[in-house]
């Protein structure tokens, strides 16, 4: 199967079932007029390094775990292109999953990503968002009746909320190849009050792959990916991001990002500094412990000293 063919397994599923696809590299082209390929260089795994290095991936360091947040929907879309009809700066996200102890690639893992759109709305929860009007995301429990006022922030903590609608844009699950790599096509995320710009991720291992799909296993990593301030500021002047009137939390103010660079989920980004609207290529190596169970259901991490007291976990 080539990168230009649309996988027959891109379909709605109501439970964790990932259709088996051929292993190997995934070629992806056409991002903002620039061709990219998901290769070993994209993951930037490389050999183990010694000493402190927050900018490069260090294979024996675990990538930081975070809370799942309220907006996770289990394996609802099996696909690499999660964009659907969402407008925004094209983002090609190249991930490499490795065993942080052995540095070997973790192949055949099921990787989930999900994030809000350019104006801070999560699919599946549109009635809690701004509906494209540029305001902040909601706070508190899901509404039981018609909204009576403007939403005022993201739900607190990491408690899951059941979906309120059938939209599923900017969500997807795909399988790592024999190099531990997986690539998603999406858009640069926006923001909402209380959180910096981020993408959620889960890595599932030890399930059984059959002709029917992937069953069982466990989540060995639940985390988030983050974007440096330079890229976020550049995106903020491009529509529809420029229409997002929500107060923005910076990377250093965020209560989830642990300020540890790549280990904490900070992406390496490549884009034309003169025109970010052409597209962004983000990459990171994710160090996991395949034997661990990290489902993101624990308490949210404590805010850092530099973080302002704001809503966390979403």
C-alpha atoms as a PDB file:
ATOM      1  CA  UNK A   1       0.000   0.000   0.000  1.00  0.00           C
ATOM      2  CA  UNK A   2       1.473   3.382  -1.006  1.00  0.00           C
ATOM      3  CA  UNK A   3       1.111   6.663   0.818  1.00  0.00           C
ATOM      4  CA  UNK A   4      -1.228   7.952  -1.887  1.00  0.00           C
ATOM      5  CA  UNK A   5      -3.745   5.158  -1.445  1.00  0.00           C
ATOM      6  CA  UNK A   6      -6.572   5.659   1.007  1.00  0.00           C
ATOM      7  CA  UNK A   7      -6.476   2.747   3.487  1.00  0.00           C
ATOM      8  CA  UNK A   8      -9.630   0.642   3.463  1.00  0.00           C
ATOM      9  CA  UNK A   9      -9.381   0.586   7.259  1.00  0.00           C
ATOM     10  CA  UNK A  10     -10.172   4.251   7.691  1.00  0.00           C
ATOM     11  CA  UNK A  11     -13.573   3.725   9.217  1.00  0.00           C
ATOM     12  CA  UNK A  12     -15.621   4.355  12.339  1.00  0.00           C
ATOM     13  CA  UNK A  13     -15.199   1.859  15.133  1.00  0.00           C
ATOM     14  CA  UNK A  14     -17.101   1.844  18.415  1.00  0.00           C
ATOM     15  CA  UNK A  15     -14.367   0.037  20.381  1.00  0.00           C
ATOM     16  CA  UNK A  16     -10.629  -0.618  20.163  1.00  0.00           C
ATOM     17  CA  UNK A  17     -10.158  -2.453  16.894  1.00  0.00           C
ATOM     18  CA  UNK A  18      -7.302  -1.378  14.664  1.00  0.00           C
ATOM     19  CA  UNK A  19      -7.349  -2.936  11.212  1.00  0.00           C
ATOM     20  CA  UNK A  20      -4.066  -4.570  10.281  1.00  0.00           C
ATOM     21  CA  UNK A  21      -2.046  -2.710   7.673  1.00  0.00           C
ATOM     22  CA  UNK A  22       1.249  -3.443   6.007  1.00  0.00           C
ATOM     23  CA  UNK A  23       4.333  -2.552   8.031  1.00  0.00           C
ATOM     24  CA  UNK A  24       6.977  -0.192   6.702  1.00  0.00           C
ATOM     25  CA  UNK A  25       7.602   3.483   6.110  1.00  0.00           C
ATOM     26  CA  UNK A  26       4.770   5.862   5.301  1.00  0.00           C
ATOM     27  CA  UNK A  27       5.426   8.423   2.583  1.00  0.00           C
ATOM     28  CA  UNK A  28       3.403  11.598   2.922  1.00  0.00           C
ATOM     29  CA  UNK A  29       3.558  14.471   0.440  1.00  0.00           C
ATOM     30  CA  UNK A  30       1.857  17.706  -0.391  1.00  0.00           C
ATOM     31  CA  UNK A  31       2.073  19.550   2.934  1.00  0.00           C
ATOM     32  CA  UNK A  32       1.994  23.220   1.999  1.00  0.00           C
ATOM     33  CA  UNK A  33       3.693  22.477  -1.296  1.00  0.00           C
ATOM     34  CA  UNK A  34       6.539  20.585   0.426  1.00  0.00           C
ATOM     35  CA  UNK A  35       6.986  16.813   0.333  1.00  0.00           C
ATOM     36  CA  UNK A  36       7.861  15.076   3.596  1.00  0.00           C
ATOM     37  CA  UNK A  37       8.589  11.427   4.303  1.00  0.00           C
ATOM     38  CA  UNK A  38       8.192   9.553   7.567  1.00  0.00           C
ATOM     39  CA  UNK A  39      11.625   8.023   7.956  1.00  0.00           C
ATOM     40  CA  UNK A  40      14.045   7.252  10.748  1.00  0.00           C
ATOM     41  CA  UNK A  41      15.366  10.788  10.488  1.00  0.00           C
ATOM     42  CA  UNK A  42      11.932  12.205  11.303  1.00  0.00           C
ATOM     43  CA  UNK A  43      11.858  10.450  14.654  1.00  0.00           C
ATOM     44  CA  UNK A  44      15.386  11.626  15.428  1.00  0.00           C
ATOM     45  CA  UNK A  45      15.824   8.679  17.747  1.00  0.00           C
ATOM     46  CA  UNK A  46      19.548   8.101  17.241  1.00  0.00           C
ATOM     47  CA  UNK A  47      21.854   6.390  19.730  1.00  0.00           C
ATOM     48  CA  UNK A  48      21.680   6.860  23.471  1.00  0.00           C
ATOM     49  CA  UNK A  49      23.237  10.041  24.788  1.00  0.00           C
ATOM     50  CA  UNK A  50      24.775  10.746  28.133  1.00  0.00           C
ATOM     51  CA  UNK A  51      24.426  13.833  30.276  1.00  0.00           C
ATOM     52  CA  UNK A  52      21.619  16.372  30.368  1.00  0.00           C
ATOM     53  CA  UNK A  53      20.004  17.022  27.008  1.00  0.00           C
ATOM     54  CA  UNK A  54      16.544  18.545  27.034  1.00  0.00           C
ATOM     55  CA  UNK A  55      16.599  19.364  23.330  1.00  0.00           C
ATOM     56  CA  UNK A  56      17.389  15.906  21.937  1.00  0.00           C
ATOM     57  CA  UNK A  57      15.609  12.621  22.472  1.00  0.00           C
ATOM     58  CA  UNK A  58      17.413  10.412  24.977  1.00  0.00           C
ATOM     59  CA  UNK A  59      16.356   6.828  24.483  1.00  0.00           C
ATOM     60  CA  UNK A  60      16.684   5.719  28.074  1.00  0.00           C
ATOM     61  CA  UNK A  61      14.483   8.531  29.410  1.00  0.00           C
ATOM     62  CA  UNK A  62      10.761   7.986  29.721  1.00  0.00           C
ATOM     63  CA  UNK A  63       8.611  10.607  28.058  1.00  0.00           C
ATOM     64  CA  UNK A  64       6.520  12.437  30.659  1.00  0.00           C
ATOM     65  CA  UNK A  65       3.119  10.994  31.496  1.00  0.00           C
ATOM     66  CA  UNK A  66       0.104  13.294  31.832  1.00  0.00           C
ATOM     67  CA  UNK A  67      -3.590  13.001  32.583  1.00  0.00           C
ATOM     68  CA  UNK A  68      -5.875  11.769  29.830  1.00  0.00           C
ATOM     69  CA  UNK A  69      -8.154  14.795  30.051  1.00  0.00           C
ATOM     70  CA  UNK A  70     -11.940  14.849  29.626  1.00  0.00           C
ATOM     71  CA  UNK A  71     -12.135  14.588  25.827  1.00  0.00           C
ATOM     72  CA  UNK A  72     -10.691  11.166  24.929  1.00  0.00           C
ATOM     73  CA  UNK A  73     -12.773   8.917  22.650  1.00  0.00           C
ATOM     74  CA  UNK A  74     -11.416   5.371  22.346  1.00  0.00           C
ATOM     75  CA  UNK A  75     -10.378   4.295  18.822  1.00  0.00           C
ATOM     76  CA  UNK A  76     -13.253   6.011  17.096  1.00  0.00           C
ATOM     77  CA  UNK A  77     -11.424   6.699  13.823  1.00  0.00           C
ATOM     78  CA  UNK A  78      -8.752   4.418  12.348  1.00  0.00           C
ATOM     79  CA  UNK A  79      -6.846   6.720  10.029  1.00  0.00           C
ATOM     80  CA  UNK A  80      -3.708   8.789   9.532  1.00  0.00           C
ATOM     81  CA  UNK A  81      -5.371  11.881   8.063  1.00  0.00           C
ATOM     82  CA  UNK A  82      -7.558  13.317  10.826  1.00  0.00           C
ATOM     83  CA  UNK A  83      -8.181  16.742   9.290  1.00  0.00           C
ATOM     84  CA  UNK A  84     -11.675  16.257   7.858  1.00  0.00           C
ATOM     85  CA  UNK A  85     -13.129  19.734   7.179  1.00  0.00           C
ATOM     86  CA  UNK A  86     -11.131  21.654   9.784  1.00  0.00           C
ATOM     87  CA  UNK A  87      -9.415  24.791   8.547  1.00  0.00           C
ATOM     88  CA  UNK A  88      -5.958  25.610   9.798  1.00  0.00           C
ATOM     89  CA  UNK A  89      -2.228  25.406   9.129  1.00  0.00           C
ATOM     90  CA  UNK A  90      -1.372  21.929   7.789  1.00  0.00           C
ATOM     91  CA  UNK A  91       0.597  19.865  10.317  1.00  0.00           C
ATOM     92  CA  UNK A  92       2.426  16.624   9.548  1.00  0.00           C
ATOM     93  CA  UNK A  93       3.131  14.879  12.850  1.00  0.00           C
ATOM     94  CA  UNK A  94       5.858  12.211  12.730  1.00  0.00           C
ATOM     95  CA  UNK A  95       6.209  10.058  15.863  1.00  0.00           C
ATOM     96  CA  UNK A  96       8.710   7.355  16.749  1.00  0.00           C
ATOM     97  CA  UNK A  97       7.903   5.097  19.694  1.00  0.00           C
ATOM     98  CA  UNK A  98      10.830   3.358  21.410  1.00  0.00           C
ATOM     99  CA  UNK A  99      11.392   1.243  24.505  1.00  0.00           C
ATOM    100  CA  UNK A 100      13.150   3.653  26.861  1.00  0.00           C
ATOM    101  CA  UNK A 101      15.143   0.770  28.401  1.00  0.00           C
ATOM    102  CA  UNK A 102      16.394  -1.014  25.293  1.00  0.00           C
ATOM    103  CA  UNK A 103      16.103   1.870  22.800  1.00  0.00           C
ATOM    104  CA  UNK A 104      14.464  -0.537  20.352  1.00  0.00           C
ATOM    105  CA  UNK A 105      11.445   0.542  18.283  1.00  0.00           C
ATOM    106  CA  UNK A 106       8.029  -0.456  19.576  1.00  0.00           C
ATOM    107  CA  UNK A 107       6.354  -1.937  16.522  1.00  0.00           C
ATOM    108  CA  UNK A 108       2.661  -2.713  16.031  1.00  0.00           C
ATOM    109  CA  UNK A 109       1.577  -0.297  18.768  1.00  0.00           C
ATOM    110  CA  UNK A 110      -1.751   1.495  18.405  1.00  0.00           C
ATOM    111  CA  UNK A 111      -1.218   5.248  18.718  1.00  0.00           C
ATOM    112  CA  UNK A 112      -4.105   7.660  19.344  1.00  0.00           C
ATOM    113  CA  UNK A 113      -3.938  11.437  18.893  1.00  0.00           C
ATOM    114  CA  UNK A 114      -6.634  14.059  19.541  1.00  0.00           C
ATOM    115  CA  UNK A 115      -6.689  17.833  19.885  1.00  0.00           C
ATOM    116  CA  UNK A 116      -8.862  20.919  19.525  1.00  0.00           C
ATOM    117  CA  UNK A 117      -9.291  22.898  16.323  1.00  0.00           C
ATOM    118  CA  UNK A 118      -7.982  26.385  15.545  1.00  0.00           C
ATOM    119  CA  UNK A 119     -10.597  28.097  17.711  1.00  0.00           C
ATOM    120  CA  UNK A 120     -10.386  25.755  20.680  1.00  0.00           C
ATOM    121  CA  UNK A 121     -13.202  23.251  19.992  1.00  0.00           C
ATOM    122  CA  UNK A 122     -12.909  19.471  20.463  1.00  0.00           C
ATOM    123  CA  UNK A 123     -14.900  17.185  18.185  1.00  0.00           C
ATOM    124  CA  UNK A 124     -17.436  15.117  20.048  1.00  0.00           C
ATOM    125  CA  UNK A 125     -17.959  18.021  22.446  1.00  0.00           C
ATOM    126  CA  UNK A 126     -18.942  20.875  20.160  1.00  0.00           C
ATOM    127  CA  UNK A 127     -21.796  22.078  22.364  1.00  0.00           C
ATOM    128  CA  UNK A 128     -19.233  22.694  25.114  1.00  0.00           C
ATOM    129  CA  UNK A 129     -16.956  24.714  22.867  1.00  0.00           C
ATOM    130  CA  UNK A 130     -17.284  28.046  21.163  1.00  0.00           C
ATOM    131  CA  UNK A 131     -18.821  26.630  17.977  1.00  0.00           C
ATOM    132  CA  UNK A 132     -16.272  28.507  15.893  1.00  0.00           C
ATOM    133  CA  UNK A 133     -16.970  31.894  17.426  1.00  0.00           C
ATOM    134  CA  UNK A 134     -13.525  32.416  18.900  1.00  0.00           C
ATOM    135  CA  UNK A 135     -14.405  32.192  22.585  1.00  0.00           C
ATOM    136  CA  UNK A 136     -12.942  29.923  25.270  1.00  0.00           C
ATOM    137  CA  UNK A 137     -13.867  26.292  25.910  1.00  0.00           C
ATOM    138  CA  UNK A 138     -16.364  25.379  28.651  1.00  0.00           C
ATOM    139  CA  UNK A 139     -16.037  24.702  32.356  1.00  0.00           C
ATOM    140  CA  UNK A 140     -17.781  22.327  34.749  1.00  0.00           C
ATOM    141  CA  UNK A 141     -19.983  19.335  33.968  1.00  0.00           C
ATOM    142  CA  UNK A 142     -21.572  18.787  30.542  1.00  0.00           C
ATOM    143  CA  UNK A 143     -24.729  20.896  30.135  1.00  0.00           C
ATOM    144  CA  UNK A 144     -28.048  19.113  30.482  1.00  0.00           C
ATOM    145  CA  UNK A 145     -30.102  21.702  28.625  1.00  0.00           C
ATOM    146  CA  UNK A 146     -29.677  24.490  26.120  1.00  0.00           C
ATOM    147  CA  UNK A 147     -26.704  26.821  26.813  1.00  0.00           C
ATOM    148  CA  UNK A 148     -27.682  30.047  28.555  1.00  0.00           C
ATOM    149  CA  UNK A 149     -24.438  31.954  28.268  1.00  0.00           C
ATOM    150  CA  UNK A 150     -20.918  31.999  26.878  1.00  0.00           C
ATOM    151  CA  UNK A 151     -18.644  29.123  27.946  1.00  0.00           C
ATOM    152  CA  UNK A 152     -15.926  30.100  30.419  1.00  0.00           C
ATOM    153  CA  UNK A 153     -13.051  27.629  30.331  1.00  0.00           C
ATOM    154  CA  UNK A 154     -12.001  23.989  30.091  1.00  0.00           C
ATOM    155  CA  UNK A 155     -13.264  21.294  32.446  1.00  0.00           C
ATOM    156  CA  UNK A 156     -11.088  20.885  35.552  1.00  0.00           C
ATOM    157  CA  UNK A 157      -8.929  17.860  36.224  1.00  0.00           C
ATOM    158  CA  UNK A 158      -8.558  14.720  34.129  1.00  0.00           C
ATOM    159  CA  UNK A 159     -12.032  13.196  34.540  1.00  0.00           C
ATOM    160  CA  UNK A 160     -13.477  11.768  31.345  1.00  0.00           C
ATOM    161  CA  UNK A 161     -16.698  13.184  29.901  1.00  0.00           C
ATOM    162  CA  UNK A 162     -18.947  11.268  27.542  1.00  0.00           C
ATOM    163  CA  UNK A 163     -19.189  12.663  23.985  1.00  0.00           C
ATOM    164  CA  UNK A 164     -22.149  14.914  23.308  1.00  0.00           C
ATOM    165  CA  UNK A 165     -22.186  14.710  19.486  1.00  0.00           C
ATOM    166  CA  UNK A 166     -21.008  12.528  16.590  1.00  0.00           C
ATOM    167  CA  UNK A 167     -18.274  14.791  15.191  1.00  0.00           C
ATOM    168  CA  UNK A 168     -14.798  13.190  15.211  1.00  0.00           C
ATOM    169  CA  UNK A 169     -12.445  15.577  13.411  1.00  0.00           C
ATOM    170  CA  UNK A 170      -8.833  15.899  14.633  1.00  0.00           C
ATOM    171  CA  UNK A 171      -8.881  12.395  16.144  1.00  0.00           C
ATOM    172  CA  UNK A 172      -7.282   9.251  14.856  1.00  0.00           C
ATOM    173  CA  UNK A 173      -5.559   5.959  15.624  1.00  0.00           C
ATOM    174  CA  UNK A 174      -2.831   4.279  13.592  1.00  0.00           C
ATOM    175  CA  UNK A 175      -0.260   1.496  13.861  1.00  0.00           C
ATOM    176  CA  UNK A 176       3.493   1.912  14.327  1.00  0.00           C
ATOM    177  CA  UNK A 177       5.620   0.242  11.675  1.00  0.00           C
ATOM    178  CA  UNK A 178       8.699  -1.932  12.223  1.00  0.00           C
ATOM    179  CA  UNK A 179      10.714   1.211  12.939  1.00  0.00           C
ATOM    180  CA  UNK A 180       8.267   2.274  15.647  1.00  0.00           C
ATOM    181  CA  UNK A 181       7.091   5.125  13.451  1.00  0.00           C
ATOM    182  CA  UNK A 182       3.662   6.518  12.738  1.00  0.00           C
ATOM    183  CA  UNK A 183       2.659   9.680  10.883  1.00  0.00           C
ATOM    184  CA  UNK A 184      -0.521  11.746  11.148  1.00  0.00           C
ATOM    185  CA  UNK A 185      -1.780  14.542   8.940  1.00  0.00           C
ATOM    186  CA  UNK A 186      -3.733  17.173  10.860  1.00  0.00           C
ATOM    187  CA  UNK A 187      -3.789  20.944  11.463  1.00  0.00           C
ATOM    188  CA  UNK A 188      -1.842  23.074  13.919  1.00  0.00           C
ATOM    189  CA  UNK A 189      -3.977  23.138  17.103  1.00  0.00           C
ATOM    190  CA  UNK A 190      -5.529  26.285  18.524  1.00  0.00           C
ATOM    191  CA  UNK A 191      -6.042  27.136  22.182  1.00  0.00           C
ATOM    192  CA  UNK A 192      -8.625  27.779  24.880  1.00  0.00           C
ATOM    193  CA  UNK A 193      -8.486  29.423  28.283  1.00  0.00           C
ATOM    194  CA  UNK A 194      -6.335  27.622  30.832  1.00  0.00           C
ATOM    195  CA  UNK A 195      -4.141  25.540  28.494  1.00  0.00           C
ATOM    196  CA  UNK A 196      -1.280  26.136  26.112  1.00  0.00           C
ATOM    197  CA  UNK A 197      -1.363  24.712  22.581  1.00  0.00           C
ATOM    198  CA  UNK A 198      -1.095  20.911  22.757  1.00  0.00           C
ATOM    199  CA  UNK A 199      -1.936  17.515  21.225  1.00  0.00           C
ATOM    200  CA  UNK A 200      -2.966  14.482  23.302  1.00  0.00           C
ATOM    201  CA  UNK A 201      -1.453  11.037  22.676  1.00  0.00           C
ATOM    202  CA  UNK A 202      -1.901   7.442  23.872  1.00  0.00           C
ATOM    203  CA  UNK A 203       0.241   4.425  23.028  1.00  0.00           C
ATOM    204  CA  UNK A 204      -1.326   0.951  23.343  1.00  0.00           C
ATOM    205  CA  UNK A 205       0.733  -2.277  23.317  1.00  0.00           C
ATOM    206  CA  UNK A 206       0.419  -6.037  23.904  1.00  0.00           C
ATOM    207  CA  UNK A 207      -2.854  -6.403  22.054  1.00  0.00           C
ATOM    208  CA  UNK A 208      -3.508  -9.202  19.581  1.00  0.00           C
ATOM    209  CA  UNK A 209      -3.354  -8.427  15.863  1.00  0.00           C
ATOM    210  CA  UNK A 210      -5.598 -10.539  13.631  1.00  0.00           C
ATOM    211  CA  UNK A 211      -7.236 -10.191  10.227  1.00  0.00           C
ATOM    212  CA  UNK A 212     -10.159  -8.602  12.048  1.00  0.00           C
ATOM    213  CA  UNK A 213      -8.068  -6.006  13.888  1.00  0.00           C
ATOM    214  CA  UNK A 214      -6.414  -5.349  17.236  1.00  0.00           C
ATOM    215  CA  UNK A 215      -7.948  -6.345  20.543  1.00  0.00           C
ATOM    216  CA  UNK A 216      -6.942  -6.053  24.195  1.00  0.00           C
ATOM    217  CA  UNK A 217      -3.575  -4.803  25.354  1.00  0.00           C
ATOM    218  CA  UNK A 218      -3.019  -1.784  27.572  1.00  0.00           C
ATOM    219  CA  UNK A 219      -1.973   1.854  27.376  1.00  0.00           C
ATOM    220  CA  UNK A 220       1.720   2.146  28.219  1.00  0.00           C
ATOM    221  CA  UNK A 221       1.829   5.910  27.675  1.00  0.00           C
ATOM    222  CA  UNK A 222      -0.612   8.799  27.973  1.00  0.00           C
ATOM    223  CA  UNK A 223       0.907  12.163  27.242  1.00  0.00           C
ATOM    224  CA  UNK A 224       0.733  15.458  25.417  1.00  0.00           C
ATOM    225  CA  UNK A 225       2.827  17.176  22.753  1.00  0.00           C
ATOM    226  CA  UNK A 226       3.618  20.875  22.988  1.00  0.00           C
ATOM    227  CA  UNK A 227       4.591  23.724  20.661  1.00  0.00           C
ATOM    228  CA  UNK A 228       7.210  26.412  21.241  1.00  0.00           C
ATOM    229  CA  UNK A 229       6.034  29.999  21.682  1.00  0.00           C
ATOM    230  CA  UNK A 230       7.616  31.213  18.440  1.00  0.00           C
ATOM    231  CA  UNK A 231       5.479  28.848  16.374  1.00  0.00           C
ATOM    232  CA  UNK A 232       2.300  29.618  18.329  1.00  0.00           C
ATOM    233  CA  UNK A 233       2.770  33.367  17.949  1.00  0.00           C
ATOM    234  CA  UNK A 234       3.372  32.895  14.224  1.00  0.00           C
ATOM    235  CA  UNK A 235       0.172  30.857  13.904  1.00  0.00           C
ATOM    236  CA  UNK A 236      -1.878  33.390  15.864  1.00  0.00           C
ATOM    237  CA  UNK A 237      -1.838  35.926  13.030  1.00  0.00           C
ATOM    238  CA  UNK A 238      -3.155  33.422  10.489  1.00  0.00           C
ATOM    239  CA  UNK A 239      -6.898  32.785  10.067  1.00  0.00           C
ATOM    240  CA  UNK A 240      -8.799  31.083  11.603  1.00  0.00           C
ATOM    241  CA  UNK A 241      -6.434  31.297  14.595  1.00  0.00           C
ATOM    242  CA  UNK A 242      -6.578  35.090  14.479  1.00  0.00           C
ATOM    243  CA  UNK A 243     -10.324  34.807  15.183  1.00  0.00           C
ATOM    244  CA  UNK A 244      -9.710  32.903  18.420  1.00  0.00           C
ATOM    245  CA  UNK A 245     -10.411  35.485  21.136  1.00  0.00           C
ATOM    246  CA  UNK A 246      -9.753  33.120  24.052  1.00  0.00           C
ATOM    247  CA  UNK A 247      -7.112  34.152  26.541  1.00  0.00           C
ATOM    248  CA  UNK A 248      -4.012  32.132  25.709  1.00  0.00           C
ATOM    249  CA  UNK A 249      -1.853  30.346  28.284  1.00  0.00           C
ATOM    250  CA  UNK A 250       1.840  30.324  27.367  1.00  0.00           C
ATOM    251  CA  UNK A 251       4.099  27.278  27.464  1.00  0.00           C
ATOM    252  CA  UNK A 252       5.771  28.433  30.681  1.00  0.00           C
ATOM    253  CA  UNK A 253       2.411  29.129  32.342  1.00  0.00           C
ATOM    254  CA  UNK A 254       0.872  25.770  31.512  1.00  0.00           C
ATOM    255  CA  UNK A 255       0.025  23.465  34.427  1.00  0.00           C
ATOM    256  CA  UNK A 256       0.525  20.227  32.460  1.00  0.00           C
ATOM    257  CA  UNK A 257       3.777  20.805  30.560  1.00  0.00           C
ATOM    258  CA  UNK A 258       6.648  20.013  32.955  1.00  0.00           C
ATOM    259  CA  UNK A 259       9.156  22.393  31.302  1.00  0.00           C
ATOM    260  CA  UNK A 260      11.583  19.544  30.493  1.00  0.00           C
ATOM    261  CA  UNK A 261      11.851  20.058  26.747  1.00  0.00           C
ATOM    262  CA  UNK A 262      11.668  17.003  24.502  1.00  0.00           C
ATOM    263  CA  UNK A 263      11.279  14.654  27.455  1.00  0.00           C
ATOM    264  CA  UNK A 264       8.164  16.583  28.442  1.00  0.00           C
ATOM    265  CA  UNK A 265       6.670  16.347  24.944  1.00  0.00           C
ATOM    266  CA  UNK A 266       8.049  19.494  23.264  1.00  0.00           C
ATOM    267  CA  UNK A 267       7.940  18.892  19.515  1.00  0.00           C
ATOM    268  CA  UNK A 268      10.712  19.610  17.033  1.00  0.00           C
ATOM    269  CA  UNK A 269       9.126  21.853  14.404  1.00  0.00           C
ATOM    270  CA  UNK A 270      10.167  22.667  10.857  1.00  0.00           C
ATOM    271  CA  UNK A 271       8.421  25.338   8.807  1.00  0.00           C
ATOM    272  CA  UNK A 272       9.072  28.369   6.638  1.00  0.00           C
ATOM    273  CA  UNK A 273       9.645  31.165   9.168  1.00  0.00           C
ATOM    274  CA  UNK A 274       8.447  33.660   6.563  1.00  0.00           C
ATOM    275  CA  UNK A 275       5.134  31.876   6.018  1.00  0.00           C
ATOM    276  CA  UNK A 276       4.023  29.293   8.597  1.00  0.00           C
ATOM    277  CA  UNK A 277       0.705  28.996   6.747  1.00  0.00           C
ATOM    278  CA  UNK A 278       2.444  26.799   4.157  1.00  0.00           C
ATOM    279  CA  UNK A 279       2.633  23.997   6.702  1.00  0.00           C
ATOM    280  CA  UNK A 280       4.521  22.633   9.691  1.00  0.00           C
ATOM    281  CA  UNK A 281       6.345  19.347  10.198  1.00  0.00           C
ATOM    282  CA  UNK A 282       6.488  18.244  13.842  1.00  0.00           C
ATOM    283  CA  UNK A 283       8.453  15.240  15.103  1.00  0.00           C
ATOM    284  CA  UNK A 284       9.414  13.594  18.367  1.00  0.00           C
ATOM    285  CA  UNK A 285      10.663  10.286  19.758  1.00  0.00           C
ATOM    286  CA  UNK A 286       8.440   8.947  22.535  1.00  0.00           C
ATOM    287  CA  UNK A 287      10.229   6.808  25.126  1.00  0.00           C
ATOM    288  CA  UNK A 288       7.844   4.352  26.786  1.00  0.00           C
ATOM    289  CA  UNK A 289       7.926   1.427  29.212  1.00  0.00           C
ATOM    290  CA  UNK A 290       5.928  -1.280  27.403  1.00  0.00           C
ATOM    291  CA  UNK A 291       5.466  -3.188  30.649  1.00  0.00           C
ATOM    292  CA  UNK A 292       3.857  -0.251  32.449  1.00  0.00           C
ATOM    293  CA  UNK A 293       0.204   0.720  32.463  1.00  0.00           C
ATOM    294  CA  UNK A 294      -0.166   4.478  32.032  1.00  0.00           C
ATOM    295  CA  UNK A 295      -3.797   5.213  31.266  1.00  0.00           C
ATOM    296  CA  UNK A 296      -3.794   8.850  32.370  1.00  0.00           C
ATOM    297  CA  UNK A 297      -6.453   8.288  35.014  1.00  0.00           C
ATOM    298  CA  UNK A 298      -4.384   9.530  37.950  1.00  0.00           C
ATOM    299  CA  UNK A 299      -4.316  12.973  39.517  1.00  0.00           C
ATOM    300  CA  UNK A 300      -3.125  15.862  37.341  1.00  0.00           C
ATOM    301  CA  UNK A 301       0.529  16.856  37.873  1.00  0.00           C
ATOM    302  CA  UNK A 302       1.223  19.705  40.241  1.00  0.00           C
ATOM    303  CA  UNK A 303       1.689  23.106  38.565  1.00  0.00           C
ATOM    304  CA  UNK A 304       5.256  24.320  38.290  1.00  0.00           C
ATOM    305  CA  UNK A 305       6.363  27.356  40.217  1.00  0.00           C
ATOM    306  CA  UNK A 306       6.115  29.491  37.097  1.00  0.00           C
ATOM    307  CA  UNK A 307       2.638  28.331  36.184  1.00  0.00           C
ATOM    308  CA  UNK A 308      -0.357  30.455  36.981  1.00  0.00           C
ATOM    309  CA  UNK A 309      -3.288  28.877  38.852  1.00  0.00           C
ATOM    310  CA  UNK A 310      -5.547  27.914  35.980  1.00  0.00           C
ATOM    311  CA  UNK A 311      -7.655  25.051  34.678  1.00  0.00           C
ATOM    312  CA  UNK A 312      -5.724  21.868  33.897  1.00  0.00           C
ATOM    313  CA  UNK A 313      -6.069  18.417  32.425  1.00  0.00           C
ATOM    314  CA  UNK A 314      -7.950  18.958  29.170  1.00  0.00           C
END
